[in-house]
C-alpha cells in the first residue's frame, strides 16, 4: 500500500514552510525533529521508503538568522 498523494504533497509543503521558519529562528530543531518523526511514523504504515527519501531529501535546514542574532548578542556582551 502506498501513502496518499495528498498527504505527501502536504508533507512537502509543510517541510518547506518548516525549513523557512527554522531559518528565521521561529522554530527550534526539537520542533523540526518532532515533525519529521511524526511523518516517519505515518510512512511506516505503508510501503513508502522511496517517497520518504524524496520528501526528506528536499528538507534542508540552515540556521540562518538565528546564528546572526546569537553572534550579535555575544559581540555586545564582549564590548
C-alpha atoms as a PDB file:
ATOM      1  CA  UNK A   1       0.000   0.000   0.000  1.00  0.00           C
ATOM      2  CA  UNK A   2       1.345   3.425  -0.929  1.00  0.00           C
ATOM      3  CA  UNK A   3       0.760   6.657   1.011  1.00  0.00           C
ATOM      4  CA  UNK A   4      -1.917   9.020  -0.231  1.00  0.00           C
ATOM      5  CA  UNK A   5      -0.676  11.576  -2.713  1.00  0.00           C
ATOM      6  CA  UNK A   6      -2.418  14.434  -0.890  1.00  0.00           C
ATOM      7  CA  UNK A   7      -0.607  13.529   2.342  1.00  0.00           C
ATOM      8  CA  UNK A   8       2.769  13.515   0.611  1.00  0.00           C
ATOM      9  CA  UNK A   9       2.071  16.845  -1.098  1.00  0.00           C
ATOM     10  CA  UNK A  10       1.008  18.311   2.247  1.00  0.00           C
ATOM     11  CA  UNK A  11       4.145  16.966   3.946  1.00  0.00           C
ATOM     12  CA  UNK A  12       6.375  18.517   1.260  1.00  0.00           C
ATOM     13  CA  UNK A  13       4.667  21.897   1.693  1.00  0.00           C
ATOM     14  CA  UNK A  14       4.825  21.654   5.484  1.00  0.00           C
ATOM     15  CA  UNK A  15       8.527  20.807   5.418  1.00  0.00           C
ATOM     16  CA  UNK A  16       9.247  23.736   3.070  1.00  0.00           C
ATOM     17  CA  UNK A  17       7.453  26.062   5.493  1.00  0.00           C
ATOM     18  CA  UNK A  18       9.209  24.458   8.452  1.00  0.00           C
ATOM     19  CA  UNK A  19      12.620  24.994   6.828  1.00  0.00           C
ATOM     20  CA  UNK A  20      11.753  28.655   6.308  1.00  0.00           C
ATOM     21  CA  UNK A  21      10.610  29.027   9.916  1.00  0.00           C
ATOM     22  CA  UNK A  22      13.804  27.359  11.127  1.00  0.00           C
ATOM     23  CA  UNK A  23      15.908  29.715   9.007  1.00  0.00           C
ATOM     24  CA  UNK A  24      14.164  32.739  10.526  1.00  0.00           C
ATOM     25  CA  UNK A  25      14.514  31.364  14.048  1.00  0.00           C
ATOM     26  CA  UNK A  26      10.770  30.899  14.592  1.00  0.00           C
ATOM     27  CA  UNK A  27      11.094  27.191  15.491  1.00  0.00           C
ATOM     28  CA  UNK A  28      13.872  25.196  17.103  1.00  0.00           C
ATOM     29  CA  UNK A  29      15.487  21.964  15.998  1.00  0.00           C
ATOM     30  CA  UNK A  30      13.482  19.907  18.506  1.00  0.00           C
ATOM     31  CA  UNK A  31      10.209  21.024  16.878  1.00  0.00           C
ATOM     32  CA  UNK A  32      11.547  20.087  13.433  1.00  0.00           C
ATOM     33  CA  UNK A  33      12.658  16.713  14.777  1.00  0.00           C
ATOM     34  CA  UNK A  34       9.187  16.005  16.174  1.00  0.00           C
ATOM     35  CA  UNK A  35       7.549  16.820  12.844  1.00  0.00           C
ATOM     36  CA  UNK A  36       9.971  14.585  10.932  1.00  0.00           C
ATOM     37  CA  UNK A  37       9.437  11.708  13.362  1.00  0.00           C
ATOM     38  CA  UNK A  38       5.670  12.106  13.005  1.00  0.00           C
ATOM     39  CA  UNK A  39       5.967  11.880   9.219  1.00  0.00           C
ATOM     40  CA  UNK A  40       8.191   8.801   9.519  1.00  0.00           C
ATOM     41  CA  UNK A  41       5.631   7.137  11.792  1.00  0.00           C
ATOM     42  CA  UNK A  42       2.919   7.781   9.199  1.00  0.00           C
ATOM     43  CA  UNK A  43       5.102   6.462   6.379  1.00  0.00           C
ATOM     44  CA  UNK A  44       5.995   3.350   8.379  1.00  0.00           C
ATOM     45  CA  UNK A  45       2.442   2.054   7.911  1.00  0.00           C
ATOM     46  CA  UNK A  46       2.816   1.826   4.145  1.00  0.00           C
ATOM     47  CA  UNK A  47       5.395   0.968   1.531  1.00  0.00           C
ATOM     48  CA  UNK A  48       6.935   4.436   1.314  1.00  0.00           C
ATOM     49  CA  UNK A  49      10.723   4.135   1.504  1.00  0.00           C
ATOM     50  CA  UNK A  50      11.379   5.918  -1.816  1.00  0.00           C
ATOM     51  CA  UNK A  51       8.752   8.540  -1.008  1.00  0.00           C
ATOM     52  CA  UNK A  52      10.302   9.243   2.391  1.00  0.00           C
ATOM     53  CA  UNK A  53      13.766   9.535   0.840  1.00  0.00           C
ATOM     54  CA  UNK A  54      12.408  12.019  -1.694  1.00  0.00           C
ATOM     55  CA  UNK A  55      10.481  14.147   0.787  1.00  0.00           C
ATOM     56  CA  UNK A  56      13.218  14.258   3.417  1.00  0.00           C
ATOM     57  CA  UNK A  57      15.896  14.659   0.756  1.00  0.00           C
ATOM     58  CA  UNK A  58      14.327  18.017  -0.107  1.00  0.00           C
ATOM     59  CA  UNK A  59      14.376  19.152   3.545  1.00  0.00           C
ATOM     60  CA  UNK A  60      17.425  21.358   4.087  1.00  0.00           C
ATOM     61  CA  UNK A  61      17.814  23.122   7.421  1.00  0.00           C
ATOM     62  CA  UNK A  62      20.008  26.227   7.509  1.00  0.00           C
ATOM     63  CA  UNK A  63      20.227  28.075  10.832  1.00  0.00           C
ATOM     64  CA  UNK A  64      20.361  31.446   9.048  1.00  0.00           C
ATOM     65  CA  UNK A  65      19.192  34.432  11.060  1.00  0.00           C
ATOM     66  CA  UNK A  66      19.269  32.561  14.359  1.00  0.00           C
ATOM     67  CA  UNK A  67      23.082  32.457  14.315  1.00  0.00           C
ATOM     68  CA  UNK A  68      23.369  36.105  13.319  1.00  0.00           C
ATOM     69  CA  UNK A  69      21.290  37.207  16.308  1.00  0.00           C
ATOM     70  CA  UNK A  70      23.260  35.000  18.700  1.00  0.00           C
ATOM     71  CA  UNK A  71      26.601  36.236  17.362  1.00  0.00           C
ATOM     72  CA  UNK A  72      25.464  39.853  17.619  1.00  0.00           C
ATOM     73  CA  UNK A  73      24.424  39.277  21.234  1.00  0.00           C
ATOM     74  CA  UNK A  74      27.812  37.733  22.021  1.00  0.00           C
ATOM     75  CA  UNK A  75      29.619  40.685  20.407  1.00  0.00           C
ATOM     76  CA  UNK A  76      27.541  43.105  22.509  1.00  0.00           C
ATOM     77  CA  UNK A  77      28.481  41.221  25.672  1.00  0.00           C
ATOM     78  CA  UNK A  78      32.194  41.434  24.850  1.00  0.00           C
ATOM     79  CA  UNK A  79      32.158  45.220  24.455  1.00  0.00           C
END
